[in-house]
Each structure stands twice: as C-alpha cells, then as structure tokens.
PDB file of all heavy atoms in Angstrom:
ATOM      1  N   GLN A   1      97.793  90.746  97.873  1.00  0.00           N
ATOM      2  CA  GLN A   1      98.770  89.685  97.572  1.00  0.00           C
ATOM      3  C   GLN A   1      99.672  90.085  96.412  1.00  0.00           C
ATOM      4  O   GLN A   1      99.720  89.451  95.358  1.00  0.00           O
ATOM      5  CB  GLN A   1      98.038  88.368  97.261  1.00  0.00           C
ATOM      6  CG  GLN A   1      98.911  87.159  96.958  1.00  0.00           C
ATOM      7  CD  GLN A   1      99.750  86.649  98.124  1.00  0.00           C
ATOM      8  OE1 GLN A   1      99.476  86.989  99.250  1.00  0.00           O
ATOM      9  NE2 GLN A   1     100.749  85.854  97.836  1.00  0.00           N
ATOM     10  N   VAL A   2     100.402  91.196  96.583  1.00  0.00           N
ATOM     11  CA  VAL A   2     101.330  91.673  95.551  1.00  0.00           C
ATOM     12  C   VAL A   2     102.623  90.865  95.657  1.00  0.00           C
ATOM     13  O   VAL A   2     103.343  90.975  96.664  1.00  0.00           O
ATOM     14  CB  VAL A   2     101.615  93.175  95.707  1.00  0.00           C
ATOM     15  CG1 VAL A   2     102.620  93.641  94.662  1.00  0.00           C
ATOM     16  CG2 VAL A   2     100.309  93.974  95.595  1.00  0.00           C
ATOM     17  N   PRO A   3     102.971  90.043  94.660  1.00  0.00           N
ATOM     18  CA  PRO A   3     104.122  89.150  94.808  1.00  0.00           C
ATOM     19  C   PRO A   3     105.464  89.782  94.476  1.00  0.00           C
ATOM     20  O   PRO A   3     106.502  89.224  94.806  1.00  0.00           O
ATOM     21  CB  PRO A   3     103.802  88.025  93.810  1.00  0.00           C
ATOM     22  CG  PRO A   3     102.997  88.684  92.737  1.00  0.00           C
ATOM     23  CD  PRO A   3     102.200  89.767  93.425  1.00  0.00           C
ATOM     24  N   ASN A   4     105.456  90.947  93.795  1.00  0.00           N
ATOM     25  CA  ASN A   4     106.690  91.512  93.260  1.00  0.00           C
ATOM     26  C   ASN A   4     107.035  92.817  93.974  1.00  0.00           C
ATOM     27  O   ASN A   4     106.278  93.790  93.916  1.00  0.00           O
ATOM     28  CB  ASN A   4     106.523  91.757  91.748  1.00  0.00           C
ATOM     29  CG  ASN A   4     107.827  92.074  91.054  1.00  0.00           C
ATOM     30  OD1 ASN A   4     108.813  92.446  91.689  1.00  0.00           O
ATOM     31  ND2 ASN A   4     107.843  91.943  89.743  1.00  0.00           N
ATOM     32  N   ILE A   5     108.179  92.874  94.617  1.00  0.00           N
ATOM     33  CA  ILE A   5     108.576  94.062  95.369  1.00  0.00           C
ATOM     34  C   ILE A   5     108.768  95.268  94.457  1.00  0.00           C
ATOM     35  O   ILE A   5     108.563  96.417  94.886  1.00  0.00           O
ATOM     36  CB  ILE A   5     109.870  93.782  96.177  1.00  0.00           C
ATOM     37  CG1 ILE A   5     110.164  94.937  97.155  1.00  0.00           C
ATOM     38  CG2 ILE A   5     111.053  93.551  95.264  1.00  0.00           C
ATOM     39  CD1 ILE A   5     109.123  95.147  98.212  1.00  0.00           C
ATOM     40  N   ARG A   6     109.102  95.046  93.203  1.00  0.00           N
ATOM     41  CA  ARG A   6     109.266  96.191  92.290  1.00  0.00           C
ATOM     42  C   ARG A   6     107.945  96.915  92.083  1.00  0.00           C
ATOM     43  O   ARG A   6     107.925  98.136  91.915  1.00  0.00           O
ATOM     44  CB  ARG A   6     109.839  95.711  90.948  1.00  0.00           C
ATOM     45  CG  ARG A   6     111.294  95.252  91.044  1.00  0.00           C
ATOM     46  CD  ARG A   6     111.893  95.006  89.669  1.00  0.00           C
ATOM     47  NE  ARG A   6     111.213  93.922  88.969  1.00  0.00           N
ATOM     48  CZ  ARG A   6     111.509  92.632  89.122  1.00  0.00           C
ATOM     49  NH1 ARG A   6     112.460  92.275  89.979  1.00  0.00           N
ATOM     50  NH2 ARG A   6     110.876  91.708  88.450  1.00  0.00           N
ATOM     51  N   ASN A   7     106.822  96.169  92.092  1.00  0.00           N
ATOM     52  CA  ASN A   7     105.512  96.802  91.991  1.00  0.00           C
ATOM     53  C   ASN A   7     105.261  97.721  93.187  1.00  0.00           C
ATOM     54  O   ASN A   7     104.692  98.807  93.055  1.00  0.00           O
ATOM     55  CB  ASN A   7     104.399  95.756  91.945  1.00  0.00           C
ATOM     56  CG  ASN A   7     104.460  94.858  90.734  1.00  0.00           C
ATOM     57  OD1 ASN A   7     103.931  93.749  90.764  1.00  0.00           O
ATOM     58  ND2 ASN A   7     105.110  95.294  89.653  1.00  0.00           N
ATOM     59  N   VAL A   8     105.679  97.256  94.364  1.00  0.00           N
ATOM     60  CA  VAL A   8     105.473  98.045  95.576  1.00  0.00           C
ATOM     61  C   VAL A   8     106.227  99.367  95.473  1.00  0.00           C
ATOM     62  O   VAL A   8     105.678 100.446  95.715  1.00  0.00           O
ATOM     63  CB  VAL A   8     105.923  97.252  96.821  1.00  0.00           C
ATOM     64  CG1 VAL A   8     105.837  98.127  98.078  1.00  0.00           C
ATOM     65  CG2 VAL A   8     105.076  95.995  96.987  1.00  0.00           C
ATOM     66  N   ARG A   9     107.497  99.282  95.109  1.00  0.00           N
ATOM     67  CA  ARG A   9     108.305 100.505  95.036  1.00  0.00           C
ATOM     68  C   ARG A   9     107.735 101.469  93.989  1.00  0.00           C
ATOM     69  O   ARG A   9     107.658 102.686  94.228  1.00  0.00           O
ATOM     70  CB  ARG A   9     109.753 100.145  94.711  1.00  0.00           C
ATOM     71  CG  ARG A   9     110.694 101.319  94.922  1.00  0.00           C
ATOM     72  CD  ARG A   9     112.137 100.892  95.073  1.00  0.00           C
ATOM     73  NE  ARG A   9     112.932 101.996  95.593  1.00  0.00           N
ATOM     74  CZ  ARG A   9     113.695 101.943  96.653  1.00  0.00           C
ATOM     75  NH1 ARG A   9     113.767 100.830  97.356  1.00  0.00           N
ATOM     76  NH2 ARG A   9     114.397 102.992  97.061  1.00  0.00           N
ATOM     77  N   SER A  10     107.336 100.949  92.834  1.00  0.00           N
ATOM     78  CA  SER A  10     106.776 101.817  91.786  1.00  0.00           C
ATOM     79  C   SER A  10     105.489 102.475  92.245  1.00  0.00           C
ATOM     80  O   SER A  10     105.256 103.667  92.013  1.00  0.00           O
ATOM     81  CB  SER A  10     106.519 101.001  90.518  1.00  0.00           C
ATOM     82  OG  SER A  10     107.712 100.489  89.990  1.00  0.00           O
ATOM     83  N   GLY A  11     104.635 101.699  92.929  1.00  0.00           N
ATOM     84  CA  GLY A  11     103.377 102.257  93.400  1.00  0.00           C
ATOM     85  C   GLY A  11     103.565 103.324  94.453  1.00  0.00           C
ATOM     86  O   GLY A  11     102.875 104.355  94.459  1.00  0.00           O
ATOM     87  N   VAL A  12     104.505 103.105  95.376  1.00  0.00           N
ATOM     88  CA  VAL A  12     104.769 104.097  96.418  1.00  0.00           C
ATOM     89  C   VAL A  12     105.332 105.375  95.810  1.00  0.00           C
ATOM     90  O   VAL A  12     104.968 106.493  96.210  1.00  0.00           O
ATOM     91  CB  VAL A  12     105.728 103.521  97.477  1.00  0.00           C
ATOM     92  CG1 VAL A  12     106.118 104.602  98.493  1.00  0.00           C
ATOM     93  CG2 VAL A  12     105.088 102.336  98.187  1.00  0.00           C
ATOM     94  N   LEU A  13     106.216 105.235  94.822  1.00  0.00           N
ATOM     95  CA  LEU A  13     106.778 106.405  94.148  1.00  0.00           C
ATOM     96  C   LEU A  13     105.673 107.244  93.508  1.00  0.00           C
ATOM     97  O   LEU A  13     105.643 108.476  93.650  1.00  0.00           O
ATOM     98  CB  LEU A  13     107.785 105.956  93.088  1.00  0.00           C
ATOM     99  CG  LEU A  13     108.464 107.069  92.278  1.00  0.00           C
ATOM    100  CD1 LEU A  13     109.257 108.001  93.187  1.00  0.00           C
ATOM    101  CD2 LEU A  13     109.373 106.461  91.207  1.00  0.00           C
ATOM    102  N   GLU A  14     104.734 106.589  92.837  1.00  0.00           N
ATOM    103  CA  GLU A  14     103.623 107.314  92.223  1.00  0.00           C
ATOM    104  C   GLU A  14     102.767 107.990  93.295  1.00  0.00           C
ATOM    105  O   GLU A  14     102.359 109.151  93.145  1.00  0.00           O
ATOM    106  CB  GLU A  14     102.777 106.361  91.382  1.00  0.00           C
ATOM    107  CG  GLU A  14     101.643 107.068  90.654  1.00  0.00           C
ATOM    108  CD  GLU A  14     100.734 106.105  89.909  1.00  0.00           C
ATOM    109  OE1 GLU A  14     100.780 104.892  90.208  1.00  0.00           O
ATOM    110  OE2 GLU A  14      99.978 106.576  89.034  1.00  0.00           O
ATOM    111  N   ALA A  15     102.494 107.266  94.385  1.00  0.00           N
ATOM    112  CA  ALA A  15     101.679 107.842  95.457  1.00  0.00           C
ATOM    113  C   ALA A  15     102.333 109.084  96.052  1.00  0.00           C
ATOM    114  O   ALA A  15     101.651 110.067  96.377  1.00  0.00           O
ATOM    115  CB  ALA A  15     101.445 106.796  96.543  1.00  0.00           C
ATOM    116  N   CYS A  16     103.660 109.071  96.183  1.00  0.00           N
ATOM    117  CA  CYS A  16     104.364 110.232  96.734  1.00  0.00           C
ATOM    118  C   CYS A  16     104.196 111.465  95.851  1.00  0.00           C
ATOM    119  O   CYS A  16     104.081 112.594  96.354  1.00  0.00           O
ATOM    120  CB  CYS A  16     105.845 109.910  96.900  1.00  0.00           C
ATOM    121  SG  CYS A  16     106.194 108.782  98.261  1.00  0.00           S
ATOM    122  N   GLN A  17     104.163 111.270  94.555  1.00  0.00           N
ATOM    123  CA  GLN A  17     103.978 112.412  93.655  1.00  0.00           C
ATOM    124  C   GLN A  17     102.576 112.992  93.803  1.00  0.00           C
ATOM    125  O   GLN A  17     102.379 114.210  93.776  1.00  0.00           O
ATOM    126  CB  GLN A  17     104.246 111.979  92.209  1.00  0.00           C
ATOM    127  CG  GLN A  17     105.660 111.508  91.945  1.00  0.00           C
ATOM    128  CD  GLN A  17     106.704 112.590  92.212  1.00  0.00           C
ATOM    129  OE1 GLN A  17     106.397 113.778  92.253  1.00  0.00           O
ATOM    130  NE2 GLN A  17     107.964 112.170  92.383  1.00  0.00           N
ATOM    131  N   PHE A  18     101.577 112.126  93.969  1.00  0.00           N
ATOM    132  CA  PHE A  18     100.222 112.619  94.228  1.00  0.00           C
ATOM    133  C   PHE A  18     100.171 113.361  95.563  1.00  0.00           C
ATOM    134  O   PHE A  18      99.522 114.408  95.684  1.00  0.00           O
ATOM    135  CB  PHE A  18      99.231 111.444  94.246  1.00  0.00           C
ATOM    136  CG  PHE A  18      98.698 111.070  92.892  1.00  0.00           C
ATOM    137  CD1 PHE A  18      99.377 110.174  92.086  1.00  0.00           C
ATOM    138  CD2 PHE A  18      97.516 111.619  92.430  1.00  0.00           C
ATOM    139  CE1 PHE A  18      98.889 109.824  90.842  1.00  0.00           C
ATOM    140  CE2 PHE A  18      97.011 111.270  91.182  1.00  0.00           C
ATOM    141  CZ  PHE A  18      97.700 110.377  90.383  1.00  0.00           C
ATOM    142  N   TYR A  19     100.832 112.792  96.561  1.00  0.00           N
ATOM    143  CA  TYR A  19     100.870 113.429  97.886  1.00  0.00           C
ATOM    144  C   TYR A  19     101.472 114.828  97.783  1.00  0.00           C
ATOM    145  O   TYR A  19     100.913 115.812  98.312  1.00  0.00           O
ATOM    146  CB  TYR A  19     101.693 112.550  98.838  1.00  0.00           C
ATOM    147  CG  TYR A  19     101.721 113.018 100.266  1.00  0.00           C
ATOM    148  CD1 TYR A  19     100.794 112.542 101.191  1.00  0.00           C
ATOM    149  CD2 TYR A  19     102.686 113.919 100.717  1.00  0.00           C
ATOM    150  CE1 TYR A  19     100.818 112.961 102.514  1.00  0.00           C
ATOM    151  CE2 TYR A  19     102.724 114.348 102.032  1.00  0.00           C
ATOM    152  CZ  TYR A  19     101.790 113.864 102.924  1.00  0.00           C
ATOM    153  OH  TYR A  19     101.812 114.283 104.230  1.00  0.00           O
ATOM    154  N   ALA A  20     102.589 114.927  97.068  1.00  0.00           N
ATOM    155  CA  ALA A  20     103.236 116.229  96.896  1.00  0.00           C
ATOM    156  C   ALA A  20     102.339 117.194  96.134  1.00  0.00           C
ATOM    157  O   ALA A  20     102.289 118.397  96.447  1.00  0.00           O
ATOM    158  CB  ALA A  20     104.568 116.056  96.162  1.00  0.00           C
ATOM    159  N   GLY A  21     101.602 116.670  95.166  1.00  0.00           N
ATOM    160  CA  GLY A  21     100.698 117.521  94.405  1.00  0.00           C
ATOM    161  C   GLY A  21      99.585 118.087  95.256  1.00  0.00           C
ATOM    162  O   GLY A  21      99.194 119.261  95.099  1.00  0.00           O
ATOM    163  N   LEU A  22      99.047 117.294  96.191  1.00  0.00           N
ATOM    164  CA  LEU A  22      97.996 117.791  97.074  1.00  0.00           C
ATOM    165  C   LEU A  22      98.544 118.810  98.065  1.00  0.00           C
ATOM    166  O   LEU A  22      97.859 119.780  98.418  1.00  0.00           O
ATOM    167  CB  LEU A  22      97.336 116.614  97.807  1.00  0.00           C
ATOM    168  CG  LEU A  22      96.477 115.711  96.912  1.00  0.00           C
ATOM    169  CD1 LEU A  22      96.059 114.447  97.662  1.00  0.00           C
ATOM    170  CD2 LEU A  22      95.240 116.454  96.401  1.00  0.00           C
ATOM    171  N   VAL A  23      99.786 118.608  98.511  1.00  0.00           N
ATOM    172  CA  VAL A  23     100.419 119.618  99.364  1.00  0.00           C
ATOM    173  C   VAL A  23     100.543 120.934  98.599  1.00  0.00           C
ATOM    174  O   VAL A  23     100.280 122.020  99.139  1.00  0.00           O
ATOM    175  CB  VAL A  23     101.796 119.121  99.852  1.00  0.00           C
ATOM    176  CG1 VAL A  23     102.561 120.255 100.535  1.00  0.00           C
ATOM    177  CG2 VAL A  23     101.632 117.942 100.799  1.00  0.00           C
ATOM    178  N   ALA A  24     100.917 120.837  97.332  1.00  0.00           N
ATOM    179  CA  ALA A  24     101.042 122.034  96.503  1.00  0.00           C
ATOM    180  C   ALA A  24      99.706 122.743  96.321  1.00  0.00           C
ATOM    181  O   ALA A  24      99.655 123.965  96.115  1.00  0.00           O
ATOM    182  CB  ALA A  24     101.636 121.671  95.143  1.00  0.00           C
ATOM    183  N   GLU A  25      98.600 121.977  96.407  1.00  0.00           N
ATOM    184  CA  GLU A  25      97.263 122.576  96.290  1.00  0.00           C
ATOM    185  C   GLU A  25      96.819 123.248  97.581  1.00  0.00           C
ATOM    186  O   GLU A  25      95.743 123.837  97.636  1.00  0.00           O
ATOM    187  CB  GLU A  25      96.244 121.502  95.900  1.00  0.00           C
ATOM    188  CG  GLU A  25      96.381 121.011  94.474  1.00  0.00           C
ATOM    189  CD  GLU A  25      96.084 122.103  93.459  1.00  0.00           C
ATOM    190  OE1 GLU A  25      95.057 122.812  93.631  1.00  0.00           O
ATOM    191  OE2 GLU A  25      96.876 122.264  92.515  1.00  0.00           O
ATOM    192  N   GLY A  26      97.627 123.134  98.623  1.00  0.00           N
ATOM    193  CA  GLY A  26      97.305 123.816  99.878  1.00  0.00           C
ATOM    194  C   GLY A  26      96.779 122.913 100.976  1.00  0.00           C
ATOM    195  O   GLY A  26      96.487 123.392 102.082  1.00  0.00           O
ATOM    196  N   ALA A  27      96.635 121.611 100.714  1.00  0.00           N
ATOM    197  CA  ALA A  27      96.156 120.692 101.751  1.00  0.00           C
ATOM    198  C   ALA A  27      97.294 120.399 102.737  1.00  0.00           C
ATOM    199  O   ALA A  27      98.434 120.199 102.313  1.00  0.00           O
ATOM    200  CB  ALA A  27      95.665 119.395 101.120  1.00  0.00           C
ATOM    201  N   PRO A  28      97.015 120.356 104.016  1.00  0.00           N
ATOM    202  CA  PRO A  28      98.085 120.112 104.988  1.00  0.00           C
ATOM    203  C   PRO A  28      98.625 118.694 104.933  1.00  0.00           C
ATOM    204  O   PRO A  28      99.789 118.455 105.244  1.00  0.00           O
ATOM    205  CB  PRO A  28      97.410 120.398 106.336  1.00  0.00           C
ATOM    206  CG  PRO A  28      95.955 120.184 106.088  1.00  0.00           C
ATOM    207  CD  PRO A  28      95.701 120.597 104.670  1.00  0.00           C
ATOM    208  N   MET A  29      97.779 117.734 104.574  1.00  0.00           N
ATOM    209  CA  MET A  29      98.143 116.316 104.518  1.00  0.00           C
ATOM    210  C   MET A  29      98.744 115.866 105.856  1.00  0.00           C
ATOM    211  O   MET A  29      98.359 116.364 106.887  1.00  0.00           O
ATOM    212  CB  MET A  29      99.062 116.032 103.337  1.00  0.00           C
ATOM    213  CG  MET A  29      98.471 116.474 101.984  1.00  0.00           C
ATOM    214  SD  MET A  29      96.810 115.820 101.657  1.00  0.00           S
ATOM    215  CE  MET A  29      97.171 114.101 101.351  1.00  0.00           C
ATOM    216  N   GLY A  30      99.644 114.871 105.822  1.00  0.00           N
ATOM    217  CA  GLY A  30     100.203 114.368 107.078  1.00  0.00           C
ATOM    218  C   GLY A  30     100.150 112.856 107.212  1.00  0.00           C
ATOM    219  O   GLY A  30     100.877 112.278 108.020  1.00  0.00           O
ATOM    220  N   TYR A  31      99.277 112.184 106.401  1.00  0.00           N
ATOM    221  CA  TYR A  31      99.147 110.732 106.461  1.00  0.00           C
ATOM    222  C   TYR A  31      99.199 110.154 105.047  1.00  0.00           C
ATOM    223  O   TYR A  31      98.497 110.640 104.146  1.00  0.00           O
ATOM    224  CB  TYR A  31      97.821 110.315 107.101  1.00  0.00           C
ATOM    225  CG  TYR A  31      97.696 110.685 108.564  1.00  0.00           C
ATOM    226  CD1 TYR A  31      97.322 111.978 108.942  1.00  0.00           C
ATOM    227  CD2 TYR A  31      97.932 109.745 109.561  1.00  0.00           C
ATOM    228  CE1 TYR A  31      97.194 112.323 110.279  1.00  0.00           C
ATOM    229  CE2 TYR A  31      97.800 110.083 110.903  1.00  0.00           C
ATOM    230  CZ  TYR A  31      97.432 111.368 111.261  1.00  0.00           C
ATOM    231  OH  TYR A  31      97.305 111.708 112.576  1.00  0.00           O
ATOM    232  N   LEU A  32     100.017 109.114 104.863  1.00  0.00           N
ATOM    233  CA  LEU A  32     100.087 108.408 103.587  1.00  0.00           C
ATOM    234  C   LEU A  32      99.720 106.954 103.840  1.00  0.00           C
ATOM    235  O   LEU A  32     100.478 106.199 104.463  1.00  0.00           O
ATOM    236  CB  LEU A  32     101.498 108.508 102.996  1.00  0.00           C
ATOM    237  CG  LEU A  32     101.737 107.770 101.666  1.00  0.00           C
ATOM    238  CD1 LEU A  32     100.785 108.264 100.582  1.00  0.00           C
ATOM    239  CD2 LEU A  32     103.186 107.925 101.223  1.00  0.00           C
ATOM    240  N   ASP A  33      98.539 106.566 103.376  1.00  0.00           N
ATOM    241  CA  ASP A  33      98.024 105.206 103.570  1.00  0.00           C
ATOM    242  C   ASP A  33      98.270 104.425 102.295  1.00  0.00           C
ATOM    243  O   ASP A  33      97.691 104.717 101.251  1.00  0.00           O
ATOM    244  CB  ASP A  33      96.529 105.267 103.893  1.00  0.00           C
ATOM    245  CG  ASP A  33      95.943 103.899 104.241  1.00  0.00           C
ATOM    246  OD1 ASP A  33      96.554 102.874 103.871  1.00  0.00           O
ATOM    247  OD2 ASP A  33      94.864 103.848 104.855  1.00  0.00           O
ATOM    248  N   LEU A  34      99.126 103.404 102.390  1.00  0.00           N
ATOM    249  CA  LEU A  34      99.505 102.623 101.217  1.00  0.00           C
ATOM    250  C   LEU A  34      98.689 101.348 101.062  1.00  0.00           C
ATOM    251  O   LEU A  34      99.038 100.465 100.268  1.00  0.00           O
ATOM    252  CB  LEU A  34     101.002 102.306 101.284  1.00  0.00           C
ATOM    253  CG  LEU A  34     101.859 103.584 101.229  1.00  0.00           C
ATOM    254  CD1 LEU A  34     103.281 103.296 101.652  1.00  0.00           C
ATOM    255  CD2 LEU A  34     101.826 104.201  99.840  1.00  0.00           C
ATOM    256  N   GLY A  35      97.596 101.243 101.802  1.00  0.00           N
ATOM    257  CA  GLY A  35      96.665 100.144 101.618  1.00  0.00           C
ATOM    258  C   GLY A  35      97.273  98.796 101.943  1.00  0.00           C
ATOM    259  O   GLY A  35      98.227  98.664 102.703  1.00  0.00           O
ATOM    260  N   GLY A  36      96.674  97.753 101.358  1.00  0.00           N
ATOM    261  CA  GLY A  36      97.154  96.392 101.567  1.00  0.00           C
ATOM    262  C   GLY A  36      98.162  95.996 100.514  1.00  0.00           C
ATOM    263  O   GLY A  36      98.777  96.829  99.865  1.00  0.00           O
ATOM    264  N   GLY A  37      98.312  94.703 100.337  1.00  0.00           N
ATOM    265  CA  GLY A  37      99.209  94.200  99.302  1.00  0.00           C
ATOM    266  C   GLY A  37     100.335  93.347  99.824  1.00  0.00           C
ATOM    267  O   GLY A  37     100.911  92.540  99.082  1.00  0.00           O
TER     268      GLY A  37
END
C-alpha cells in the first residue's frame, strides 16, 4: 500500500542499479521483480 508515486520511482531506480551491478558480476539476469506496493 505505497501511497506516493515518487517512492515507487525512487525504489525502481535503486533496484535498476542493483540489477546492473549483478549483470556486471557476470550473472545473466533477465527478470526484475518489483514486488507489491
């Protein structure tokens, strides 16, 4: 129940940086699960 859209955008931006970091570590990745909210 996240009421503020700015929280969503900030959280997704942070998640993308983690995703990119795992790709840099050699993981193939391919799925980004942003949970509920």
